[in-house]
Amino acid sequence: MPHAIVRERQRGRAKQLRQVMTPAETLLWRYLKAGRVDGLGFRRQTPIQNYIVDFLCHSAKLIVELDGVSHDFEEQMRADEKRDAFFVSEGFQVLRFRNEQVMSHLEGVVETIRQAASSRASGSPPSLTLPHKGGGNSGAGADITQNTGNIRGAQP
């Protein structure tokens, strides 16, 4: 996927969000950043056009969103549906989990992410992830072969 131009304001907002993650985001990030999900590389609070996604695995075109109580309101649910439809139209799969699910069933959440990522992987050689700060490479990712839709409120 070619790089889309991201406005400096979006980039700054993403950086700010990385510095003030929720406890559920922090817990899941500690697991995802270590490459424990089949060695796939994830990024956190990543801008994609006008949106900022919680977690993104480019190689599997997989977006993971964590929802708190603010997502219980009808207006926010409609906004989430519109946002998810945009991502699906761009070839991404969106997984949404409640913060409570991450806090109480981390293993199930991670397994759901693993299954979704592996269902999108092919037999092709893995692609390299971006280097960590200070250089080096953290591991390998997987290529995409299929497009699946949104899983809203996936249960671990």
N, C-alpha and C. Protein backbone atom coordinates (compact mmCIF):
# COMPACT_ATOMS: atom_id res chain seq x y z
N MET A 1 0.85 -1.17 0.00
CA MET A 1 0.00 0.00 0.00
C MET A 1 0.88 1.22 0.00
N PRO A 2 0.70 2.12 -0.96
CA PRO A 2 1.53 3.33 -0.99
C PRO A 2 1.23 4.20 0.23
N HIS A 3 2.24 4.92 0.63
CA HIS A 3 2.06 5.80 1.78
C HIS A 3 1.14 6.96 1.41
N ALA A 4 0.14 7.17 2.21
CA ALA A 4 -0.74 8.31 2.03
C ALA A 4 -0.14 9.49 2.80
N ILE A 5 -0.41 10.66 2.33
CA ILE A 5 0.09 11.84 3.02
C ILE A 5 -0.70 12.01 4.32
N VAL A 6 0.04 12.17 5.40
CA VAL A 6 -0.58 12.36 6.71
C VAL A 6 -0.24 13.77 7.17
N ARG A 7 -1.26 14.52 7.52
CA ARG A 7 -1.05 15.90 7.97
C ARG A 7 -0.27 15.90 9.28
N GLU A 8 0.50 16.93 9.47
CA GLU A 8 1.31 17.08 10.70
C GLU A 8 0.41 17.06 11.93
N ARG A 9 -0.78 17.62 11.82
CA ARG A 9 -1.71 17.62 12.95
C ARG A 9 -2.07 16.19 13.34
N GLN A 10 -2.36 15.34 12.33
CA GLN A 10 -2.68 13.94 12.59
C GLN A 10 -1.49 13.23 13.22
N ARG A 11 -0.31 13.48 12.68
CA ARG A 11 0.89 12.86 13.19
C ARG A 11 1.12 13.25 14.65
N GLY A 12 0.92 14.52 14.97
CA GLY A 12 1.07 15.00 16.35
C GLY A 12 0.04 14.40 17.29
N ARG A 13 -1.20 14.28 16.81
CA ARG A 13 -2.26 13.67 17.62
C ARG A 13 -1.95 12.20 17.90
N ALA A 14 -1.44 11.49 16.91
CA ALA A 14 -1.08 10.08 17.09
C ALA A 14 0.02 9.96 18.14
N LYS A 15 1.00 10.84 18.06
CA LYS A 15 2.10 10.82 19.03
C LYS A 15 1.57 11.07 20.44
N GLN A 16 0.67 12.04 20.56
CA GLN A 16 0.06 12.34 21.86
C GLN A 16 -0.71 11.13 22.39
N LEU A 17 -1.47 10.45 21.53
CA LEU A 17 -2.23 9.28 21.96
C LEU A 17 -1.31 8.14 22.41
N ARG A 18 -0.15 8.01 21.79
CA ARG A 18 0.81 6.98 22.21
C ARG A 18 1.33 7.25 23.61
N GLN A 19 1.35 8.51 24.01
CA GLN A 19 1.87 8.86 25.33
C GLN A 19 0.84 8.73 26.44
N VAL A 20 -0.45 8.63 26.09
CA VAL A 20 -1.50 8.55 27.11
C VAL A 20 -2.45 7.38 26.82
N MET A 21 -1.90 6.22 26.63
CA MET A 21 -2.72 5.05 26.32
C MET A 21 -3.52 4.61 27.55
N THR A 22 -4.67 4.00 27.31
CA THR A 22 -5.48 3.46 28.39
C THR A 22 -4.78 2.23 28.97
N PRO A 23 -5.18 1.81 30.17
CA PRO A 23 -4.59 0.58 30.72
C PRO A 23 -4.77 -0.63 29.80
N ALA A 24 -5.93 -0.76 29.16
CA ALA A 24 -6.16 -1.89 28.25
C ALA A 24 -5.24 -1.80 27.03
N GLU A 25 -5.08 -0.60 26.48
CA GLU A 25 -4.18 -0.43 25.33
C GLU A 25 -2.74 -0.76 25.73
N THR A 26 -2.33 -0.31 26.90
CA THR A 26 -0.98 -0.58 27.38
C THR A 26 -0.75 -2.08 27.54
N LEU A 27 -1.70 -2.78 28.12
CA LEU A 27 -1.58 -4.22 28.33
C LEU A 27 -1.47 -4.96 26.99
N LEU A 28 -2.36 -4.65 26.07
CA LEU A 28 -2.33 -5.32 24.77
C LEU A 28 -1.06 -4.95 24.01
N TRP A 29 -0.62 -3.71 24.08
CA TRP A 29 0.59 -3.28 23.38
C TRP A 29 1.82 -4.02 23.90
N ARG A 30 1.89 -4.24 25.19
CA ARG A 30 3.04 -4.99 25.75
C ARG A 30 3.13 -6.37 25.12
N TYR A 31 2.01 -6.93 24.77
CA TYR A 31 2.00 -8.25 24.14
C TYR A 31 2.29 -8.14 22.65
N LEU A 32 1.61 -7.23 21.95
CA LEU A 32 1.76 -7.12 20.50
C LEU A 32 3.14 -6.65 20.08
N LYS A 33 3.73 -5.74 20.84
CA LYS A 33 5.02 -5.18 20.41
C LYS A 33 6.14 -6.20 20.52
N ALA A 34 5.98 -7.20 21.32
CA ALA A 34 7.02 -8.21 21.49
C ALA A 34 7.02 -9.21 20.34
N GLY A 35 6.13 -9.06 19.37
CA GLY A 35 6.08 -9.97 18.23
C GLY A 35 5.58 -11.35 18.60
N ARG A 36 4.81 -11.45 19.68
CA ARG A 36 4.33 -12.75 20.14
C ARG A 36 3.17 -13.28 19.31
N VAL A 37 2.62 -12.48 18.45
CA VAL A 37 1.53 -12.93 17.60
C VAL A 37 2.15 -13.37 16.27
N ASP A 38 2.65 -14.59 16.26
CA ASP A 38 3.25 -15.20 15.08
C ASP A 38 4.34 -14.34 14.45
N GLY A 39 5.02 -13.56 15.26
CA GLY A 39 6.12 -12.74 14.78
C GLY A 39 5.70 -11.52 13.97
N LEU A 40 4.41 -11.21 13.94
CA LEU A 40 3.93 -10.07 13.16
C LEU A 40 4.27 -8.76 13.85
N GLY A 41 4.56 -7.76 13.05
CA GLY A 41 4.86 -6.43 13.58
C GLY A 41 3.60 -5.59 13.65
N PHE A 42 3.37 -4.99 14.79
CA PHE A 42 2.23 -4.09 14.98
C PHE A 42 2.75 -2.69 15.29
N ARG A 43 1.98 -1.71 14.88
CA ARG A 43 2.26 -0.32 15.25
C ARG A 43 1.07 0.15 16.07
N ARG A 44 1.29 1.13 16.93
CA ARG A 44 0.20 1.64 17.75
C ARG A 44 -0.10 3.08 17.40
N GLN A 45 -1.35 3.46 17.58
CA GLN A 45 -1.83 4.81 17.32
C GLN A 45 -1.27 5.32 16.00
N THR A 46 -1.67 4.65 14.93
CA THR A 46 -1.15 4.93 13.59
C THR A 46 -2.18 5.71 12.77
N PRO A 47 -1.76 6.84 12.18
CA PRO A 47 -2.68 7.59 11.31
C PRO A 47 -2.89 6.88 9.98
N ILE A 48 -4.14 6.79 9.56
CA ILE A 48 -4.50 6.33 8.22
C ILE A 48 -5.52 7.34 7.71
N GLN A 49 -5.11 8.14 6.77
CA GLN A 49 -5.89 9.26 6.24
C GLN A 49 -6.41 10.12 7.39
N ASN A 50 -7.74 10.23 7.54
CA ASN A 50 -8.29 11.11 8.58
C ASN A 50 -8.48 10.42 9.92
N TYR A 51 -8.06 9.18 10.04
CA TYR A 51 -8.29 8.40 11.25
C TYR A 51 -6.97 8.02 11.91
N ILE A 52 -7.07 7.68 13.19
CA ILE A 52 -5.94 7.12 13.92
C ILE A 52 -6.42 5.81 14.51
N VAL A 53 -5.74 4.72 14.14
CA VAL A 53 -6.15 3.39 14.61
C VAL A 53 -5.34 3.01 15.83
N ASP A 54 -5.93 2.23 16.73
CA ASP A 54 -5.24 1.83 17.96
C ASP A 54 -4.02 0.97 17.65
N PHE A 55 -4.22 -0.12 16.89
CA PHE A 55 -3.12 -1.03 16.55
C PHE A 55 -3.27 -1.44 15.09
N LEU A 56 -2.15 -1.53 14.40
CA LEU A 56 -2.16 -1.85 12.98
C LEU A 56 -1.05 -2.82 12.65
N CYS A 57 -1.41 -3.88 11.94
CA CYS A 57 -0.44 -4.81 11.37
C CYS A 57 -0.53 -4.64 9.86
N HIS A 58 0.43 -3.89 9.28
CA HIS A 58 0.41 -3.63 7.84
C HIS A 58 0.47 -4.91 7.03
N SER A 59 1.33 -5.84 7.44
CA SER A 59 1.54 -7.03 6.63
C SER A 59 0.30 -7.91 6.53
N ALA A 60 -0.58 -7.88 7.54
CA ALA A 60 -1.82 -8.64 7.49
C ALA A 60 -3.03 -7.75 7.20
N LYS A 61 -2.77 -6.45 6.98
CA LYS A 61 -3.85 -5.48 6.78
C LYS A 61 -4.93 -5.67 7.85
N LEU A 62 -4.48 -5.70 9.09
CA LEU A 62 -5.35 -5.95 10.23
C LEU A 62 -5.30 -4.77 11.19
N ILE A 63 -6.47 -4.27 11.55
CA ILE A 63 -6.60 -3.17 12.50
C ILE A 63 -7.28 -3.71 13.74
N VAL A 64 -6.73 -3.38 14.91
CA VAL A 64 -7.33 -3.78 16.18
C VAL A 64 -7.71 -2.50 16.92
N GLU A 65 -8.98 -2.39 17.26
CA GLU A 65 -9.50 -1.24 17.98
C GLU A 65 -9.99 -1.68 19.35
N LEU A 66 -9.68 -0.88 20.38
CA LEU A 66 -10.18 -1.13 21.73
C LEU A 66 -11.19 -0.05 22.06
N ASP A 67 -12.35 -0.46 22.55
CA ASP A 67 -13.44 0.46 22.82
C ASP A 67 -13.73 0.55 24.31
N GLY A 68 -13.80 1.76 24.80
CA GLY A 68 -14.22 2.02 26.17
C GLY A 68 -15.69 2.40 26.20
N VAL A 69 -16.13 2.95 27.32
CA VAL A 69 -17.55 3.26 27.49
C VAL A 69 -18.04 4.33 26.53
N SER A 70 -17.16 5.19 26.02
CA SER A 70 -17.60 6.23 25.09
C SER A 70 -18.14 5.63 23.80
N HIS A 71 -17.80 4.39 23.51
CA HIS A 71 -18.28 3.74 22.29
C HIS A 71 -19.66 3.11 22.48
N ASP A 72 -20.25 3.25 23.66
CA ASP A 72 -21.58 2.73 23.92
C ASP A 72 -22.70 3.64 23.42
N PHE A 73 -22.36 4.89 23.11
CA PHE A 73 -23.36 5.85 22.68
C PHE A 73 -23.66 5.69 21.19
N GLU A 74 -24.93 5.87 20.85
CA GLU A 74 -25.40 5.66 19.48
C GLU A 74 -24.60 6.46 18.47
N GLU A 75 -24.34 7.71 18.75
CA GLU A 75 -23.59 8.55 17.82
C GLU A 75 -22.18 7.99 17.57
N GLN A 76 -21.54 7.55 18.63
CA GLN A 76 -20.19 6.99 18.47
C GLN A 76 -20.24 5.66 17.73
N MET A 77 -21.27 4.87 17.97
CA MET A 77 -21.41 3.59 17.27
C MET A 77 -21.56 3.81 15.75
N ARG A 78 -22.35 4.84 15.38
CA ARG A 78 -22.49 5.16 13.96
C ARG A 78 -21.16 5.62 13.37
N ALA A 79 -20.43 6.43 14.11
CA ALA A 79 -19.13 6.90 13.64
C ALA A 79 -18.16 5.72 13.49
N ASP A 80 -18.20 4.77 14.43
CA ASP A 80 -17.35 3.57 14.35
C ASP A 80 -17.70 2.74 13.12
N GLU A 81 -19.00 2.60 12.83
CA GLU A 81 -19.42 1.83 11.66
C GLU A 81 -18.94 2.48 10.37
N LYS A 82 -19.04 3.80 10.29
CA LYS A 82 -18.58 4.53 9.11
C LYS A 82 -17.07 4.37 8.95
N ARG A 83 -16.37 4.50 10.04
CA ARG A 83 -14.90 4.37 10.05
C ARG A 83 -14.49 2.96 9.63
N ASP A 84 -15.15 1.94 10.21
CA ASP A 84 -14.84 0.55 9.88
C ASP A 84 -15.13 0.26 8.40
N ALA A 85 -16.21 0.81 7.88
CA ALA A 85 -16.55 0.61 6.47
C ALA A 85 -15.46 1.20 5.58
N PHE A 86 -14.92 2.35 5.96
CA PHE A 86 -13.82 2.93 5.20
C PHE A 86 -12.62 1.98 5.20
N PHE A 87 -12.24 1.47 6.36
CA PHE A 87 -11.09 0.58 6.44
C PHE A 87 -11.29 -0.70 5.62
N VAL A 88 -12.49 -1.26 5.69
CA VAL A 88 -12.78 -2.47 4.91
C VAL A 88 -12.68 -2.15 3.42
N SER A 89 -13.15 -0.97 3.01
CA SER A 89 -13.05 -0.58 1.60
C SER A 89 -11.61 -0.43 1.15
N GLU A 90 -10.71 -0.20 2.10
CA GLU A 90 -9.28 -0.08 1.81
C GLU A 90 -8.57 -1.43 1.92
N GLY A 91 -9.33 -2.50 2.19
CA GLY A 91 -8.76 -3.84 2.24
C GLY A 91 -8.32 -4.31 3.62
N PHE A 92 -8.67 -3.58 4.66
CA PHE A 92 -8.31 -3.97 6.03
C PHE A 92 -9.41 -4.81 6.66
N GLN A 93 -9.03 -5.60 7.63
CA GLN A 93 -10.00 -6.24 8.51
C GLN A 93 -9.92 -5.49 9.82
N VAL A 94 -11.06 -5.24 10.43
CA VAL A 94 -11.11 -4.51 11.69
C VAL A 94 -11.63 -5.44 12.78
N LEU A 95 -10.85 -5.54 13.86
CA LEU A 95 -11.30 -6.27 15.04
C LEU A 95 -11.53 -5.26 16.15
N ARG A 96 -12.68 -5.34 16.79
CA ARG A 96 -12.98 -4.44 17.91
C ARG A 96 -13.17 -5.27 19.17
N PHE A 97 -12.55 -4.80 20.24
CA PHE A 97 -12.69 -5.43 21.54
C PHE A 97 -13.02 -4.36 22.57
N ARG A 98 -13.76 -4.76 23.57
CA ARG A 98 -14.03 -3.87 24.70
C ARG A 98 -12.79 -3.86 25.59
N ASN A 99 -12.54 -2.74 26.24
CA ASN A 99 -11.42 -2.66 27.18
C ASN A 99 -11.50 -3.77 28.22
N GLU A 100 -12.72 -4.05 28.69
CA GLU A 100 -12.91 -5.08 29.71
C GLU A 100 -12.48 -6.46 29.21
N GLN A 101 -12.69 -6.73 27.93
CA GLN A 101 -12.27 -8.01 27.36
C GLN A 101 -10.76 -8.16 27.44
N VAL A 102 -10.05 -7.10 27.12
CA VAL A 102 -8.58 -7.15 27.15
C VAL A 102 -8.11 -7.34 28.58
N MET A 103 -8.70 -6.64 29.50
CA MET A 103 -8.26 -6.70 30.90
C MET A 103 -8.55 -8.05 31.54
N SER A 104 -9.65 -8.69 31.15
CA SER A 104 -10.02 -9.94 31.82
C SER A 104 -9.75 -11.21 31.01
N HIS A 105 -9.59 -11.07 29.69
CA HIS A 105 -9.40 -12.24 28.83
C HIS A 105 -8.32 -11.97 27.78
N LEU A 106 -7.16 -11.50 28.21
CA LEU A 106 -6.10 -11.14 27.28
C LEU A 106 -5.73 -12.28 26.35
N GLU A 107 -5.62 -13.49 26.88
CA GLU A 107 -5.22 -14.63 26.05
C GLU A 107 -6.22 -14.88 24.93
N GLY A 108 -7.51 -14.77 25.24
CA GLY A 108 -8.54 -14.97 24.22
C GLY A 108 -8.51 -13.87 23.16
N VAL A 109 -8.28 -12.64 23.58
CA VAL A 109 -8.19 -11.52 22.64
C VAL A 109 -7.01 -11.74 21.70
N VAL A 110 -5.86 -12.10 22.27
CA VAL A 110 -4.67 -12.32 21.46
C VAL A 110 -4.87 -13.50 20.51
N GLU A 111 -5.54 -14.54 20.96
CA GLU A 111 -5.80 -15.69 20.08
C GLU A 111 -6.72 -15.29 18.93
N THR A 112 -7.71 -14.46 19.18
CA THR A 112 -8.59 -13.97 18.11
C THR A 112 -7.79 -13.16 17.10
N ILE A 113 -6.88 -12.32 17.59
CA ILE A 113 -6.01 -11.53 16.70
C ILE A 113 -5.13 -12.48 15.89
N ARG A 114 -4.56 -13.47 16.54
CA ARG A 114 -3.69 -14.44 15.87
C ARG A 114 -4.45 -15.17 14.75
N GLN A 115 -5.65 -15.62 15.04
CA GLN A 115 -6.44 -16.34 14.04
C GLN A 115 -6.79 -15.44 12.86
N ALA A 116 -7.18 -14.20 13.15
CA ALA A 116 -7.51 -13.27 12.07
C ALA A 116 -6.30 -12.99 11.20
N ALA A 117 -5.14 -12.78 11.83
CA ALA A 117 -3.92 -12.50 11.07
C ALA A 117 -3.51 -13.71 10.24
N SER A 118 -3.60 -14.90 10.82
CA SER A 118 -3.17 -16.09 10.09
C SER A 118 -4.14 -16.41 8.95
N SER A 119 -5.41 -16.08 9.09
CA SER A 119 -6.37 -16.34 8.01
C SER A 119 -6.11 -15.41 6.82
N ARG A 120 -5.40 -14.32 7.04
CA ARG A 120 -5.09 -13.37 5.98
C ARG A 120 -3.69 -13.60 5.42
N ALA A 121 -2.94 -14.52 6.01
CA ALA A 121 -1.56 -14.76 5.58
C ALA A 121 -1.53 -15.77 4.44
N SER A 122 -0.49 -15.70 3.67
CA SER A 122 -0.33 -16.65 2.56
C SER A 122 0.91 -17.49 2.79
N GLY A 123 1.21 -18.37 1.84
CA GLY A 123 2.40 -19.19 1.92
C GLY A 123 3.64 -18.44 1.45
N SER A 124 3.49 -17.17 1.10
CA SER A 124 4.62 -16.38 0.62
C SER A 124 5.60 -16.11 1.74
N PRO A 125 6.85 -15.80 1.40
CA PRO A 125 7.81 -15.46 2.44
C PRO A 125 7.34 -14.24 3.22
N PRO A 126 7.62 -14.17 4.52
CA PRO A 126 7.18 -13.04 5.32
C PRO A 126 7.88 -11.75 4.91
N SER A 127 7.17 -10.64 5.11
CA SER A 127 7.78 -9.34 4.84
C SER A 127 8.42 -8.83 6.12
N LEU A 128 9.41 -7.99 5.97
CA LEU A 128 10.12 -7.46 7.13
C LEU A 128 9.31 -6.35 7.79
N THR A 129 9.45 -6.24 9.10
CA THR A 129 8.79 -5.16 9.83
C THR A 129 9.72 -3.96 9.85
N LEU A 130 9.19 -2.83 10.27
CA LEU A 130 10.00 -1.63 10.39
C LEU A 130 11.02 -1.79 11.51
N PRO A 131 12.18 -1.18 11.39
CA PRO A 131 13.17 -1.29 12.47
C PRO A 131 12.70 -0.55 13.70
N HIS A 132 13.16 -1.01 14.86
CA HIS A 132 12.88 -0.33 16.12
C HIS A 132 13.72 0.92 16.21
N LYS A 133 13.37 1.82 17.11
CA LYS A 133 14.20 2.98 17.36
C LYS A 133 15.62 2.53 17.66
N GLY A 134 16.57 3.16 17.07
CA GLY A 134 17.96 2.77 17.32
C GLY A 134 18.43 1.70 16.37
N GLY A 135 17.57 1.28 15.41
CA GLY A 135 17.98 0.31 14.40
C GLY A 135 17.58 -1.09 14.77
N GLY A 136 17.94 -2.01 13.92
CA GLY A 136 17.62 -3.42 14.15
C GLY A 136 16.29 -3.77 13.54
N ASN A 137 16.01 -5.05 13.49
CA ASN A 137 14.75 -5.53 12.94
C ASN A 137 14.14 -6.50 13.93
N SER A 138 12.86 -6.35 14.18
CA SER A 138 12.22 -7.13 15.24
C SER A 138 11.67 -8.46 14.78
N GLY A 139 11.63 -8.73 13.50
CA GLY A 139 11.07 -10.02 13.08
C GLY A 139 10.39 -9.91 11.75
N ALA A 140 9.50 -10.83 11.50
CA ALA A 140 8.89 -10.90 10.18
C ALA A 140 7.38 -10.82 10.28
N GLY A 141 6.74 -10.48 9.15
CA GLY A 141 5.30 -10.40 9.08
C GLY A 141 4.77 -11.40 8.08
N ALA A 142 3.54 -11.22 7.63
CA ALA A 142 2.93 -12.13 6.67
C ALA A 142 2.28 -11.32 5.57
N ASP A 143 2.18 -11.88 4.38
CA ASP A 143 1.55 -11.20 3.26
C ASP A 143 0.05 -11.46 3.26
N ILE A 144 -0.69 -10.65 2.50
CA ILE A 144 -2.15 -10.71 2.47
C ILE A 144 -2.63 -11.53 1.27
N THR A 145 -3.65 -12.35 1.47
CA THR A 145 -4.25 -13.07 0.34
C THR A 145 -5.75 -12.87 0.27
N GLN A 146 -6.36 -12.40 1.33
CA GLN A 146 -7.81 -12.27 1.29
C GLN A 146 -8.25 -11.04 2.05
N ASN A 147 -9.46 -10.59 1.77
CA ASN A 147 -10.05 -9.47 2.47
C ASN A 147 -11.28 -9.98 3.20
N THR A 148 -11.27 -9.80 4.52
CA THR A 148 -12.46 -10.16 5.28
C THR A 148 -13.02 -8.90 5.90
N GLY A 149 -14.23 -8.95 6.36
CA GLY A 149 -14.90 -7.78 6.88
C GLY A 149 -14.60 -7.50 8.34
N ASN A 150 -15.43 -6.70 8.89
CA ASN A 150 -15.30 -6.22 10.25
C ASN A 150 -15.87 -7.25 11.22
N ILE A 151 -15.18 -7.45 12.32
CA ILE A 151 -15.71 -8.28 13.40
C ILE A 151 -15.96 -7.33 14.56
N ARG A 152 -17.20 -6.95 14.77
CA ARG A 152 -17.53 -5.98 15.80
C ARG A 152 -17.87 -6.73 17.07
N GLY A 153 -17.20 -6.33 18.15
CA GLY A 153 -17.48 -6.94 19.44
C GLY A 153 -17.08 -8.39 19.49
N ALA A 154 -15.99 -8.74 18.81
CA ALA A 154 -15.54 -10.12 18.78
C ALA A 154 -15.32 -10.64 20.20
N GLN A 155 -15.77 -11.83 20.42
CA GLN A 155 -15.60 -12.43 21.74
C GLN A 155 -14.37 -13.31 21.74
N PRO A 156 -13.51 -13.21 22.76
CA PRO A 156 -12.32 -14.06 22.82
C PRO A 156 -12.69 -15.50 23.11
